Amino acid sequence: MNNGFVIHTIGSLLQLLGVILLIPLGIAVLETPSGESLQTILSTAPASGFFISCLVTVCVGTLFKIQKPPTLVGNGIREGFAIVTFGWIFLSLFSAIPLWVYFMESSGTSSLWFHQFTDAFFESMSGFTTTGSTILRDIEALPKSLLFWRSMTHWLGGMGIVTLVLAIFPASGITAYQMFRGEVPGPTAEKIGPQLGHTTKVLWGVYILLTLAETLLLTLGGMTLFDALCHSFGTMATGGFSTKNASIGYYDSVNIDTVITIFMFLAGMNFMLHYALIFQRSLAVVTTNREFRFYAILVAGAILFSTVVLRTQGVQDERTISSSYRSAPLSSEEIHQKIDTEQE
C-alpha cells in the first residue's frame, strides 16, 4: 500500500476540517458577553477549544502534506479504503478536542458529562458515523457553539466528509473512485464511473438544499433558527441529534412533527434517486424503482403497526389518539433510517 499517498490525502481532510471549525468558533465568539477582548474570548471555553482544535488540525494536516505525494501504482483499492477508514478516525479524534477542552475548563464540572478523552471521542465518533448515541446527561446545558458543532459532525457524516473533499478538490483516476466506493459501498458507487466529480457536487447540492428547506419549514413551525438548523442537521444525517433533552418532544407540535417526518423519509432514501430525479425530470424514476417501492411499503407498514400499538395502550382520550398518529411515523422512520438503502 502507498502509505505516503494515504497520509497526504488524510492531510487534505484535516485541513478542510480545520477550516470548517471556524464556523463554531465564530458562534462561540458571538455568544460571549460583549465587552470582552478577543484575546480573553479565545483563552476561555468554549472558544478556546475550537481555537486550539482549529490550529492543531490545520497544522497536523499541513504536516501530513509537506512532502509531495508519491505516484500511485496499481488500482488504488487499498489506498481508497485506507483513506476512508483512517480519515474518519482522525476526523473524530480532532473533532473531539473542542468538547474535551470545554469540559476540562468548566470549573471541574466535566464529570457531569465526560470522565476522560475517550468519552469526548465517543461523542464525536457518534456524530460522524450518524449513530446518534450520546453520553450527555444534560444536552441543554451546553453552549450553543458546542451544540452546533455536535450537530454539524452529524451533518458532515450524513453525506460523508470524504465525498465533500472529492466535491471541492476532485481527485482523478481510480483512487477517487475507490475513495467514493469506500464511503458509499455497493452497486450505487459502481454505476457512477467517470462522472464522480460532478456527481458528488450534485449530491451535496441536493443535501444542502433539503437541509435549508427543512430549516425554513421548522422555523415557520415555531422553532428558533438555531434549533431549526441543528434539527435539520440531525434529520438529514438520519442520526437524530437534538438541542433538547426531550428531542422534538420538547415542542409538542404537529407542524414540527410532520416536517421532520417528511424529511426523515426523504433523507432515508437512496440519494442517487434524488440525483436521477433531477436529471431525468420524471417521478417514474423513483416510483418504478424496486428499492424505493420496498422502502415506502416497509415504512408505511411500520407506521401502521406502530399506530395500532400506540392506540391500544389503554388510554383513549383525544390527545393520546392524536399523538399516536404523530409518534408512529417518527418511531418507524427512526428504525428505517438505519437500513442501508443502496440502489440495486
C-alpha atoms as a PDB file:
ATOM      1  CA  MET A   1       0.000   0.000   0.000  1.00  0.00           C
ATOM      2  CA  ASN A   2       1.177   3.527  -0.809  1.00  0.00           C
ATOM      3  CA  ASN A   3       1.319   4.961   2.723  1.00  0.00           C
ATOM      4  CA  GLY A   4       2.599   8.336   1.550  1.00  0.00           C
ATOM      5  CA  PHE A   5      -0.401   8.839  -0.709  1.00  0.00           C
ATOM      6  CA  VAL A   6      -2.811   7.891   2.084  1.00  0.00           C
ATOM      7  CA  ILE A   7      -1.172  10.258   4.583  1.00  0.00           C
ATOM      8  CA  HIS A   8      -1.164  13.114   2.062  1.00  0.00           C
ATOM      9  CA  THR A   9      -4.890  12.700   1.367  1.00  0.00           C
ATOM     10  CA  ILE A  10      -5.766  12.472   5.061  1.00  0.00           C
ATOM     11  CA  GLY A  11      -3.861  15.736   5.417  1.00  0.00           C
ATOM     12  CA  SER A  12      -6.333  17.320   2.986  1.00  0.00           C
ATOM     13  CA  LEU A  13      -9.212  16.016   5.098  1.00  0.00           C
ATOM     14  CA  LEU A  14      -7.728  17.542   8.239  1.00  0.00           C
ATOM     15  CA  GLN A  15      -7.097  20.884   6.555  1.00  0.00           C
ATOM     16  CA  LEU A  16     -10.715  21.010   5.423  1.00  0.00           C
ATOM     17  CA  LEU A  17     -11.883  20.110   8.929  1.00  0.00           C
ATOM     18  CA  GLY A  18      -9.754  22.913  10.361  1.00  0.00           C
ATOM     19  CA  VAL A  19     -11.459  25.422   8.075  1.00  0.00           C
ATOM     20  CA  ILE A  20     -14.919  24.091   8.974  1.00  0.00           C
ATOM     21  CA  LEU A  21     -14.088  24.511  12.678  1.00  0.00           C
ATOM     22  CA  LEU A  22     -14.033  28.268  12.089  1.00  0.00           C
ATOM     23  CA  ILE A  23     -17.847  28.184  11.917  1.00  0.00           C
ATOM     24  CA  PRO A  24     -18.488  27.012  15.517  1.00  0.00           C
ATOM     25  CA  LEU A  25     -15.553  29.174  16.612  1.00  0.00           C
ATOM     26  CA  GLY A  26     -17.405  32.180  15.228  1.00  0.00           C
ATOM     27  CA  ILE A  27     -20.551  31.140  17.092  1.00  0.00           C
ATOM     28  CA  ALA A  28     -18.544  30.748  20.304  1.00  0.00           C
ATOM     29  CA  VAL A  29     -17.159  34.265  19.894  1.00  0.00           C
ATOM     30  CA  LEU A  30     -20.614  35.716  19.208  1.00  0.00           C
ATOM     31  CA  GLU A  31     -22.222  34.041  22.232  1.00  0.00           C
ATOM     32  CA  THR A  32     -19.594  35.509  24.571  1.00  0.00           C
ATOM     33  CA  PRO A  33     -20.832  38.528  26.599  1.00  0.00           C
ATOM     34  CA  SER A  34     -19.957  41.826  24.923  1.00  0.00           C
ATOM     35  CA  GLY A  35     -17.086  43.874  26.276  1.00  0.00           C
ATOM     36  CA  GLU A  36     -14.570  41.038  26.359  1.00  0.00           C
ATOM     37  CA  SER A  37     -11.419  41.347  24.279  1.00  0.00           C
ATOM     38  CA  LEU A  38     -10.794  38.817  21.525  1.00  0.00           C
ATOM     39  CA  GLN A  39      -7.739  37.535  23.393  1.00  0.00           C
ATOM     40  CA  THR A  40      -9.830  36.893  26.501  1.00  0.00           C
ATOM     41  CA  ILE A  41     -12.541  35.181  24.477  1.00  0.00           C
ATOM     42  CA  LEU A  42     -10.094  32.853  22.727  1.00  0.00           C
ATOM     43  CA  SER A  43      -8.483  31.919  26.039  1.00  0.00           C
ATOM     44  CA  THR A  44     -11.705  30.734  27.680  1.00  0.00           C
ATOM     45  CA  ALA A  45     -14.045  27.883  26.844  1.00  0.00           C
ATOM     46  CA  PRO A  46     -15.777  27.098  24.592  1.00  0.00           C
ATOM     47  CA  ALA A  47     -13.991  29.394  22.106  1.00  0.00           C
ATOM     48  CA  SER A  48     -10.581  28.222  23.309  1.00  0.00           C
ATOM     49  CA  GLY A  49     -11.435  24.626  22.463  1.00  0.00           C
ATOM     50  CA  PHE A  50     -12.379  25.473  18.902  1.00  0.00           C
ATOM     51  CA  PHE A  51      -9.372  27.759  18.506  1.00  0.00           C
ATOM     52  CA  ILE A  52      -6.967  25.074  19.726  1.00  0.00           C
ATOM     53  CA  SER A  53      -8.645  22.393  17.642  1.00  0.00           C
ATOM     54  CA  CYS A  54      -8.564  24.574  14.535  1.00  0.00           C
ATOM     55  CA  LEU A  55      -4.855  25.333  14.892  1.00  0.00           C
ATOM     56  CA  VAL A  56      -3.842  21.778  15.750  1.00  0.00           C
ATOM     57  CA  THR A  57      -5.955  20.257  12.975  1.00  0.00           C
ATOM     58  CA  VAL A  58      -4.641  22.583  10.266  1.00  0.00           C
ATOM     59  CA  CYS A  59      -1.034  22.194  11.445  1.00  0.00           C
ATOM     60  CA  VAL A  60      -1.191  18.406  11.522  1.00  0.00           C
ATOM     61  CA  GLY A  61      -2.948  18.350   8.153  1.00  0.00           C
ATOM     62  CA  THR A  62      -0.264  20.594   6.677  1.00  0.00           C
ATOM     63  CA  LEU A  63       2.450  18.422   8.214  1.00  0.00           C
ATOM     64  CA  PHE A  64       0.911  15.394   6.518  1.00  0.00           C
ATOM     65  CA  LYS A  65       1.134  17.211   3.179  1.00  0.00           C
ATOM     66  CA  ILE A  66       4.673  18.599   3.410  1.00  0.00           C
ATOM     67  CA  GLN A  67       6.048  16.041   1.012  1.00  0.00           C
ATOM     68  CA  LYS A  68       4.676  15.653  -2.477  1.00  0.00           C
ATOM     69  CA  PRO A  69       2.517  12.509  -2.648  1.00  0.00           C
ATOM     70  CA  PRO A  70       4.275   9.603  -4.349  1.00  0.00           C
ATOM     71  CA  THR A  71       2.881   8.344  -7.620  1.00  0.00           C
ATOM     72  CA  LEU A  72       0.152   5.807  -7.100  1.00  0.00           C
ATOM     73  CA  VAL A  73       0.768   2.442  -8.708  1.00  0.00           C
ATOM     74  CA  GLY A  74      -1.984  -0.113  -9.137  1.00  0.00           C
ATOM     75  CA  ASN A  75      -5.757   0.040  -8.871  1.00  0.00           C
ATOM     76  CA  GLY A  76      -5.819   2.082  -5.640  1.00  0.00           C
ATOM     77  CA  ILE A  77      -8.276  -0.197  -3.845  1.00  0.00           C
ATOM     78  CA  ARG A  78      -6.228  -0.466  -0.657  1.00  0.00           C
ATOM     79  CA  GLU A  79      -5.424   3.232  -0.657  1.00  0.00           C
ATOM     80  CA  GLY A  80      -9.055   4.218  -1.188  1.00  0.00           C
ATOM     81  CA  PHE A  81     -10.364   2.168   1.700  1.00  0.00           C
ATOM     82  CA  ALA A  82      -7.447   3.150   3.951  1.00  0.00           C
ATOM     83  CA  ILE A  83      -8.133   6.843   3.339  1.00  0.00           C
ATOM     84  CA  VAL A  84     -11.787   6.444   4.303  1.00  0.00           C
ATOM     85  CA  THR A  85     -11.089   4.266   7.347  1.00  0.00           C
ATOM     86  CA  PHE A  86      -8.237   6.224   8.883  1.00  0.00           C
ATOM     87  CA  GLY A  87      -9.675   9.521   7.685  1.00  0.00           C
ATOM     88  CA  TRP A  88     -12.795   9.044   9.782  1.00  0.00           C
ATOM     89  CA  ILE A  89     -10.749   8.065  12.811  1.00  0.00           C
ATOM     90  CA  PHE A  90      -8.542  11.153  12.540  1.00  0.00           C
ATOM     91  CA  LEU A  91     -11.529  13.423  11.937  1.00  0.00           C
ATOM     92  CA  SER A  92     -13.318  12.088  15.006  1.00  0.00           C
ATOM     93  CA  LEU A  93     -10.193  12.473  17.145  1.00  0.00           C
ATOM     94  CA  PHE A  94      -9.598  16.104  16.216  1.00  0.00           C
ATOM     95  CA  SER A  95     -13.301  16.953  16.352  1.00  0.00           C
ATOM     96  CA  ALA A  96     -13.415  15.765  19.961  1.00  0.00           C
ATOM     97  CA  ILE A  97     -10.903  18.417  21.076  1.00  0.00           C
ATOM     98  CA  PRO A  98     -13.442  21.281  21.474  1.00  0.00           C
ATOM     99  CA  LEU A  99     -15.694  19.078  23.597  1.00  0.00           C
ATOM    100  CA  TRP A 100     -12.842  17.905  25.795  1.00  0.00           C
ATOM    101  CA  VAL A 101     -11.318  21.351  26.291  1.00  0.00           C
ATOM    102  CA  TYR A 102     -14.679  22.813  27.278  1.00  0.00           C
ATOM    103  CA  PHE A 103     -15.367  20.171  29.864  1.00  0.00           C
ATOM    104  CA  MET A 104     -11.863  20.445  31.275  1.00  0.00           C
ATOM    105  CA  GLU A 105     -12.218  24.211  31.642  1.00  0.00           C
ATOM    106  CA  SER A 106     -15.716  24.153  33.112  1.00  0.00           C
ATOM    107  CA  SER A 107     -14.691  24.522  36.752  1.00  0.00           C
ATOM    108  CA  GLY A 108     -14.474  20.823  37.394  1.00  0.00           C
ATOM    109  CA  THR A 109     -17.964  20.110  36.088  1.00  0.00           C
ATOM    110  CA  SER A 110     -16.654  17.823  33.369  1.00  0.00           C
ATOM    111  CA  SER A 111     -17.615  14.825  35.494  1.00  0.00           C
ATOM    112  CA  LEU A 112     -21.227  15.666  34.707  1.00  0.00           C
ATOM    113  CA  TRP A 113     -20.540  14.570  31.136  1.00  0.00           C
ATOM    114  CA  PHE A 114     -17.108  13.158  30.402  1.00  0.00           C
ATOM    115  CA  HIS A 115     -14.618  11.402  32.630  1.00  0.00           C
ATOM    116  CA  GLN A 116     -11.850  11.008  30.056  1.00  0.00           C
ATOM    117  CA  PHE A 117     -10.967  11.883  26.473  1.00  0.00           C
ATOM    118  CA  THR A 118     -12.451   8.650  25.163  1.00  0.00           C
ATOM    119  CA  ASP A 119     -15.870   9.963  26.217  1.00  0.00           C
ATOM    120  CA  ALA A 120     -15.420  13.043  24.020  1.00  0.00           C
ATOM    121  CA  PHE A 121     -14.113  10.809  21.231  1.00  0.00           C
ATOM    122  CA  PHE A 122     -17.212   8.626  21.571  1.00  0.00           C
ATOM    123  CA  GLU A 123     -19.488  11.653  21.177  1.00  0.00           C
ATOM    124  CA  SER A 124     -17.549  12.851  18.141  1.00  0.00           C
ATOM    125  CA  MET A 125     -17.480   9.424  16.512  1.00  0.00           C
ATOM    126  CA  SER A 126     -21.205   9.049  17.157  1.00  0.00           C
ATOM    127  CA  GLY A 127     -21.723  12.274  15.258  1.00  0.00           C
ATOM    128  CA  PHE A 128     -19.600  11.478  12.213  1.00  0.00           C
ATOM    129  CA  THR A 129     -20.966   7.943  11.932  1.00  0.00           C
ATOM    130  CA  THR A 130     -24.540   9.270  12.420  1.00  0.00           C
ATOM    131  CA  THR A 131     -25.079   6.634  15.088  1.00  0.00           C
ATOM    132  CA  GLY A 132     -26.894   9.148  17.276  1.00  0.00           C
ATOM    133  CA  SER A 133     -25.747   7.705  20.605  1.00  0.00           C
ATOM    134  CA  THR A 134     -24.753  10.104  23.367  1.00  0.00           C
ATOM    135  CA  ILE A 135     -23.407  10.029  26.904  1.00  0.00           C
ATOM    136  CA  LEU A 136     -24.512  13.576  27.693  1.00  0.00           C
ATOM    137  CA  ARG A 137     -26.826  13.858  30.680  1.00  0.00           C
ATOM    138  CA  ASP A 138     -27.987  17.418  30.107  1.00  0.00           C
ATOM    139  CA  ILE A 139     -27.763  18.449  26.471  1.00  0.00           C
ATOM    140  CA  GLU A 140     -29.408  21.820  27.050  1.00  0.00           C
ATOM    141  CA  ALA A 141     -26.631  22.856  29.452  1.00  0.00           C
ATOM    142  CA  LEU A 142     -24.111  23.006  26.602  1.00  0.00           C
ATOM    143  CA  PRO A 143     -23.192  26.323  24.949  1.00  0.00           C
ATOM    144  CA  LYS A 144     -24.735  26.905  21.526  1.00  0.00           C
ATOM    145  CA  SER A 145     -21.380  26.603  19.795  1.00  0.00           C
ATOM    146  CA  LEU A 146     -20.888  23.053  21.101  1.00  0.00           C
ATOM    147  CA  LEU A 147     -24.480  22.103  20.323  1.00  0.00           C
ATOM    148  CA  PHE A 148     -23.952  23.389  16.797  1.00  0.00           C
ATOM    149  CA  TRP A 149     -20.659  21.530  16.355  1.00  0.00           C
ATOM    150  CA  ARG A 150     -22.154  18.347  17.751  1.00  0.00           C
ATOM    151  CA  SER A 151     -24.976  18.574  15.199  1.00  0.00           C
ATOM    152  CA  MET A 152     -22.631  19.586  12.404  1.00  0.00           C
ATOM    153  CA  THR A 153     -20.452  16.494  12.841  1.00  0.00           C
ATOM    154  CA  HIS A 154     -23.696  14.614  12.336  1.00  0.00           C
ATOM    155  CA  TRP A 155     -24.488  16.512   9.149  1.00  0.00           C
ATOM    156  CA  LEU A 156     -20.985  16.129   7.706  1.00  0.00           C
ATOM    157  CA  GLY A 157     -21.065  12.413   8.422  1.00  0.00           C
ATOM    158  CA  GLY A 158     -24.504  12.045   6.843  1.00  0.00           C
ATOM    159  CA  MET A 159     -23.203  12.624   3.332  1.00  0.00           C
ATOM    160  CA  GLY A 160     -19.602  11.803   4.178  1.00  0.00           C
ATOM    161  CA  ILE A 161     -16.805  14.319   4.545  1.00  0.00           C
ATOM    162  CA  VAL A 162     -14.686  12.250   2.144  1.00  0.00           C
ATOM    163  CA  THR A 163     -17.256  12.927  -0.578  1.00  0.00           C
ATOM    164  CA  LEU A 164     -17.097  16.612   0.383  1.00  0.00           C
ATOM    165  CA  VAL A 165     -13.358  16.595  -0.256  1.00  0.00           C
ATOM    166  CA  LEU A 166     -13.958  14.947  -3.630  1.00  0.00           C
ATOM    167  CA  ALA A 167     -16.546  17.614  -4.459  1.00  0.00           C
ATOM    168  CA  ILE A 168     -14.257  20.518  -3.516  1.00  0.00           C
ATOM    169  CA  PHE A 169     -10.919  19.044  -4.583  1.00  0.00           C
ATOM    170  CA  PRO A 170     -11.759  16.500  -7.296  1.00  0.00           C
ATOM    171  CA  ALA A 171      -9.245  13.686  -7.378  1.00  0.00           C
ATOM    172  CA  SER A 172      -8.507  11.965 -10.635  1.00  0.00           C
ATOM    173  CA  GLY A 173      -8.230   8.380 -11.644  1.00  0.00           C
ATOM    174  CA  ILE A 174      -9.131   5.158  -9.937  1.00  0.00           C
ATOM    175  CA  THR A 175      -8.258   6.335  -6.416  1.00  0.00           C
ATOM    176  CA  ALA A 176     -11.059   8.912  -6.354  1.00  0.00           C
ATOM    177  CA  TYR A 177     -13.470   6.167  -7.329  1.00  0.00           C
ATOM    178  CA  GLN A 178     -12.123   3.865  -4.631  1.00  0.00           C
ATOM    179  CA  MET A 179     -12.465   6.636  -2.029  1.00  0.00           C
ATOM    180  CA  PHE A 180     -16.068   7.168  -3.054  1.00  0.00           C
ATOM    181  CA  ARG A 181     -16.664   3.439  -3.037  1.00  0.00           C
ATOM    182  CA  GLY A 182     -15.287   3.218   0.485  1.00  0.00           C
ATOM    183  CA  GLU A 183     -17.696   5.956   1.563  1.00  0.00           C
ATOM    184  CA  VAL A 184     -20.684   4.744  -0.484  1.00  0.00           C
ATOM    185  CA  PRO A 185     -20.252   0.986  -0.939  1.00  0.00           C
ATOM    186  CA  GLY A 186     -22.246  -1.273  -3.177  1.00  0.00           C
ATOM    187  CA  PRO A 187     -23.876  -1.025  -6.613  1.00  0.00           C
ATOM    188  CA  THR A 188     -24.530   2.712  -6.153  1.00  0.00           C
ATOM    189  CA  ALA A 189     -20.834   3.532  -6.359  1.00  0.00           C
ATOM    190  CA  GLU A 190     -20.191   1.107  -9.192  1.00  0.00           C
ATOM    191  CA  LYS A 191     -22.672   2.862 -11.509  1.00  0.00           C
ATOM    192  CA  ILE A 192     -21.163   6.327 -11.186  1.00  0.00           C
ATOM    193  CA  GLY A 193     -17.953   5.777 -13.094  1.00  0.00           C
ATOM    194  CA  PRO A 194     -16.241   8.756 -14.732  1.00  0.00           C
ATOM    195  CA  GLN A 195     -18.892  11.261 -13.569  1.00  0.00           C
ATOM    196  CA  LEU A 196     -17.677  11.042  -9.974  1.00  0.00           C
ATOM    197  CA  GLY A 197     -16.619  14.674  -9.532  1.00  0.00           C
ATOM    198  CA  HIS A 198     -19.853  16.002 -10.999  1.00  0.00           C
ATOM    199  CA  THR A 199     -21.950  13.504  -9.063  1.00  0.00           C
ATOM    200  CA  THR A 200     -20.507  14.392  -5.671  1.00  0.00           C
ATOM    201  CA  LYS A 201     -21.183  18.082  -6.313  1.00  0.00           C
ATOM    202  CA  VAL A 202     -24.798  17.373  -7.245  1.00  0.00           C
ATOM    203  CA  LEU A 203     -25.349  15.081  -4.258  1.00  0.00           C
ATOM    204  CA  TRP A 204     -24.002  17.704  -1.881  1.00  0.00           C
ATOM    205  CA  GLY A 205     -26.149  20.320  -3.612  1.00  0.00           C
ATOM    206  CA  VAL A 206     -29.272  18.227  -3.031  1.00  0.00           C
ATOM    207  CA  TYR A 207     -28.204  17.565   0.556  1.00  0.00           C
ATOM    208  CA  ILE A 208     -27.729  21.278   1.265  1.00  0.00           C
ATOM    209  CA  LEU A 209     -30.991  22.313  -0.424  1.00  0.00           C
ATOM    210  CA  LEU A 210     -33.008  19.754   1.551  1.00  0.00           C
ATOM    211  CA  THR A 211     -31.324  20.918   4.756  1.00  0.00           C
ATOM    212  CA  LEU A 212     -32.165  24.555   4.033  1.00  0.00           C
ATOM    213  CA  ALA A 213     -35.744  23.688   3.068  1.00  0.00           C
ATOM    214  CA  GLU A 214     -36.297  21.796   6.311  1.00  0.00           C
ATOM    215  CA  THR A 215     -34.702  24.601   8.313  1.00  0.00           C
ATOM    216  CA  LEU A 216     -37.093  27.113   6.766  1.00  0.00           C
ATOM    217  CA  LEU A 217     -40.161  24.963   7.415  1.00  0.00           C
ATOM    218  CA  LEU A 218     -39.150  24.243  11.013  1.00  0.00           C
ATOM    219  CA  THR A 219     -38.608  27.950  11.593  1.00  0.00           C
ATOM    220  CA  LEU A 220     -42.082  28.673  10.237  1.00  0.00           C
ATOM    221  CA  GLY A 221     -43.358  25.906  12.527  1.00  0.00           C
ATOM    222  CA  GLY A 222     -42.148  27.688  15.650  1.00  0.00           C
ATOM    223  CA  MET A 223     -38.512  26.722  16.167  1.00  0.00           C
ATOM    224  CA  THR A 224     -35.757  29.273  16.539  1.00  0.00           C
ATOM    225  CA  LEU A 225     -33.430  29.471  13.540  1.00  0.00           C
ATOM    226  CA  PHE A 226     -30.612  27.904  15.560  1.00  0.00           C
ATOM    227  CA  ASP A 227     -32.698  24.942  16.754  1.00  0.00           C
ATOM    228  CA  ALA A 228     -34.228  24.501  13.303  1.00  0.00           C
ATOM    229  CA  LEU A 229     -30.797  24.282  11.678  1.00  0.00           C
ATOM    230  CA  CYS A 230     -29.448  21.844  14.269  1.00  0.00           C
ATOM    231  CA  HIS A 231     -32.518  19.610  13.995  1.00  0.00           C
ATOM    232  CA  SER A 232     -32.242  19.720  10.204  1.00  0.00           C
ATOM    233  CA  PHE A 233     -28.648  18.546  10.539  1.00  0.00           C
ATOM    234  CA  GLY A 234     -29.826  15.617  12.667  1.00  0.00           C
ATOM    235  CA  THR A 235     -32.692  14.768  10.329  1.00  0.00           C
ATOM    236  CA  MET A 236     -30.727  14.805   7.088  1.00  0.00           C
ATOM    237  CA  ALA A 237     -27.920  12.823   8.709  1.00  0.00           C
ATOM    238  CA  THR A 238     -30.502  10.223   9.813  1.00  0.00           C
ATOM    239  CA  GLY A 239     -28.978  10.173  13.279  1.00  0.00           C
ATOM    240  CA  GLY A 240     -31.260  12.369  15.348  1.00  0.00           C
ATOM    241  CA  PHE A 241     -29.010  14.613  17.439  1.00  0.00           C
ATOM    242  CA  SER A 242     -31.115  17.328  19.093  1.00  0.00           C
ATOM    243  CA  THR A 243     -30.527  20.502  21.079  1.00  0.00           C
ATOM    244  CA  LYS A 244     -33.154  19.475  23.626  1.00  0.00           C
ATOM    245  CA  ASN A 245     -33.136  16.754  26.267  1.00  0.00           C
ATOM    246  CA  ALA A 246     -36.610  15.655  25.143  1.00  0.00           C
ATOM    247  CA  SER A 247     -35.654  15.949  21.459  1.00  0.00           C
ATOM    248  CA  ILE A 248     -38.564  17.186  19.308  1.00  0.00           C
ATOM    249  CA  GLY A 249     -40.987  16.071  22.021  1.00  0.00           C
ATOM    250  CA  TYR A 250     -39.979  19.316  23.704  1.00  0.00           C
ATOM    251  CA  TYR A 251     -42.031  21.284  21.159  1.00  0.00           C
ATOM    252  CA  ASP A 252     -45.187  19.110  21.181  1.00  0.00           C
ATOM    253  CA  SER A 253     -46.069  20.488  17.753  1.00  0.00           C
ATOM    254  CA  VAL A 254     -47.984  18.783  14.949  1.00  0.00           C
ATOM    255  CA  ASN A 255     -46.321  21.029  12.365  1.00  0.00           C
ATOM    256  CA  ILE A 256     -42.798  20.248  13.560  1.00  0.00           C
ATOM    257  CA  ASP A 257     -43.514  16.515  13.821  1.00  0.00           C
ATOM    258  CA  THR A 258     -44.910  16.485  10.283  1.00  0.00           C
ATOM    259  CA  VAL A 259     -41.997  18.393   8.750  1.00  0.00           C
ATOM    260  CA  ILE A 260     -39.388  16.202  10.415  1.00  0.00           C
ATOM    261  CA  THR A 261     -41.254  13.021   9.451  1.00  0.00           C
ATOM    262  CA  ILE A 262     -41.316  14.035   5.771  1.00  0.00           C
ATOM    263  CA  PHE A 263     -37.639  14.924   5.700  1.00  0.00           C
ATOM    264  CA  MET A 264     -36.693  11.778   7.611  1.00  0.00           C
ATOM    265  CA  PHE A 265     -38.340   9.822   4.811  1.00  0.00           C
ATOM    266  CA  LEU A 266     -36.531  11.833   2.130  1.00  0.00           C
ATOM    267  CA  ALA A 267     -33.194  11.517   3.932  1.00  0.00           C
ATOM    268  CA  GLY A 268     -33.666   7.766   4.305  1.00  0.00           C
ATOM    269  CA  MET A 269     -33.951   7.359   0.542  1.00  0.00           C
ATOM    270  CA  ASN A 270     -31.013   6.473  -1.627  1.00  0.00           C
ATOM    271  CA  PHE A 271     -29.608   9.855  -2.652  1.00  0.00           C
ATOM    272  CA  MET A 272     -28.832   8.519  -6.102  1.00  0.00           C
ATOM    273  CA  LEU A 273     -32.604   8.535  -6.636  1.00  0.00           C
ATOM    274  CA  HIS A 274     -32.613  12.265  -5.910  1.00  0.00           C
ATOM    275  CA  TYR A 275     -29.779  12.570  -8.410  1.00  0.00           C
ATOM    276  CA  ALA A 276     -31.685  10.619 -11.065  1.00  0.00           C
ATOM    277  CA  LEU A 277     -34.852  12.629 -10.419  1.00  0.00           C
ATOM    278  CA  ILE A 278     -33.029  15.913 -11.034  1.00  0.00           C
ATOM    279  CA  PHE A 279     -31.513  14.911 -14.374  1.00  0.00           C
ATOM    280  CA  GLN A 280     -34.289  12.732 -15.773  1.00  0.00           C
ATOM    281  CA  ARG A 281     -37.065  15.023 -14.505  1.00  0.00           C
ATOM    282  CA  SER A 282     -39.574  12.219 -14.111  1.00  0.00           C
ATOM    283  CA  LEU A 283     -41.197  10.826 -10.976  1.00  0.00           C
ATOM    284  CA  ALA A 284     -41.263   7.460 -12.709  1.00  0.00           C
ATOM    285  CA  VAL A 285     -37.540   7.185 -11.986  1.00  0.00           C
ATOM    286  CA  VAL A 286     -38.434   6.966  -8.302  1.00  0.00           C
ATOM    287  CA  THR A 287     -41.846   5.296  -8.333  1.00  0.00           C
ATOM    288  CA  THR A 288     -40.719   2.450 -10.590  1.00  0.00           C
ATOM    289  CA  ASN A 289     -37.570   1.793  -8.584  1.00  0.00           C
ATOM    290  CA  ARG A 290     -37.850  -1.535  -6.750  1.00  0.00           C
ATOM    291  CA  GLU A 291     -35.748  -0.378  -3.854  1.00  0.00           C
ATOM    292  CA  PHE A 292     -37.892   2.725  -3.293  1.00  0.00           C
ATOM    293  CA  ARG A 293     -41.107   0.715  -3.502  1.00  0.00           C
ATOM    294  CA  PHE A 294     -39.858  -1.715  -0.903  1.00  0.00           C
ATOM    295  CA  TYR A 295     -38.658   1.163   1.282  1.00  0.00           C
ATOM    296  CA  ALA A 296     -42.009   3.006   1.041  1.00  0.00           C
ATOM    297  CA  ILE A 297     -44.057  -0.120   1.744  1.00  0.00           C
ATOM    298  CA  LEU A 298     -41.842  -1.047   4.678  1.00  0.00           C
ATOM    299  CA  VAL A 299     -42.127   2.438   6.194  1.00  0.00           C
ATOM    300  CA  ALA A 300     -45.897   2.602   5.642  1.00  0.00           C
ATOM    301  CA  GLY A 301     -46.355  -0.830   7.201  1.00  0.00           C
ATOM    302  CA  ALA A 302     -44.235   0.072  10.208  1.00  0.00           C
ATOM    303  CA  ILE A 303     -46.164   3.328  10.686  1.00  0.00           C
ATOM    304  CA  LEU A 304     -49.464   1.458  10.606  1.00  0.00           C
ATOM    305  CA  PHE A 305     -48.193  -1.158  13.038  1.00  0.00           C
ATOM    306  CA  SER A 306     -46.804   1.471  15.412  1.00  0.00           C
ATOM    307  CA  THR A 307     -50.056   3.427  15.281  1.00  0.00           C
ATOM    308  CA  VAL A 308     -52.072   0.358  16.239  1.00  0.00           C
ATOM    309  CA  VAL A 309     -49.705  -0.419  19.115  1.00  0.00           C
ATOM    310  CA  LEU A 310     -49.859   3.153  20.415  1.00  0.00           C
ATOM    311  CA  ARG A 311     -53.639   3.245  20.082  1.00  0.00           C
ATOM    312  CA  THR A 312     -54.065   0.089  22.148  1.00  0.00           C
ATOM    313  CA  GLN A 313     -52.109   1.170  25.222  1.00  0.00           C
ATOM    314  CA  GLY A 314     -55.255   1.685  27.289  1.00  0.00           C
ATOM    315  CA  VAL A 315     -55.578   5.489  27.237  1.00  0.00           C
ATOM    316  CA  GLN A 316     -58.257   6.577  24.778  1.00  0.00           C
ATOM    317  CA  ASP A 317     -58.501  10.351  25.211  1.00  0.00           C
ATOM    318  CA  GLU A 318     -58.386  12.527  22.085  1.00  0.00           C
ATOM    319  CA  ARG A 319     -54.899  13.873  22.756  1.00  0.00           C
ATOM    320  CA  THR A 320     -53.409  10.400  23.074  1.00  0.00           C
ATOM    321  CA  ILE A 321     -55.128   9.209  19.880  1.00  0.00           C
ATOM    322  CA  SER A 322     -53.787  12.214  18.001  1.00  0.00           C
ATOM    323  CA  SER A 323     -50.333  11.678  19.449  1.00  0.00           C
ATOM    324  CA  SER A 324     -50.290   8.075  18.269  1.00  0.00           C
ATOM    325  CA  TYR A 325     -50.578   9.179  14.655  1.00  0.00           C
ATOM    326  CA  ARG A 326     -47.761  11.685  15.188  1.00  0.00           C
ATOM    327  CA  SER A 327     -45.460   9.384  17.139  1.00  0.00           C
ATOM    328  CA  ALA A 328     -45.807   6.338  14.894  1.00  0.00           C
ATOM    329  CA  PRO A 329     -44.137   7.839  11.804  1.00  0.00           C
ATOM    330  CA  LEU A 330     -41.292   9.225  13.903  1.00  0.00           C
ATOM    331  CA  SER A 331     -40.695   5.898  15.631  1.00  0.00           C
ATOM    332  CA  SER A 332     -40.888   3.978  12.363  1.00  0.00           C
ATOM    333  CA  GLU A 333     -38.649   6.351  10.427  1.00  0.00           C
ATOM    334  CA  GLU A 334     -36.057   6.234  13.181  1.00  0.00           C
ATOM    335  CA  ILE A 335     -35.854   2.488  12.636  1.00  0.00           C
ATOM    336  CA  HIS A 336     -35.870   2.553   8.844  1.00  0.00           C
ATOM    337  CA  GLN A 337     -33.258   5.255   8.532  1.00  0.00           C
ATOM    338  CA  LYS A 338     -30.797   2.701   9.884  1.00  0.00           C
ATOM    339  CA  ILE A 339     -31.495   0.441   6.900  1.00  0.00           C
ATOM    340  CA  ASP A 340     -28.846   0.640   4.204  1.00  0.00           C
ATOM    341  CA  THR A 341     -30.908   1.515   1.124  1.00  0.00           C
ATOM    342  CA  GLU A 342     -28.415   1.036  -1.675  1.00  0.00           C
ATOM    343  CA  GLN A 343     -29.710   1.146  -5.220  1.00  0.00           C
ATOM    344  CA  GLU A 344     -29.713  -2.199  -6.927  1.00  0.00           C
END
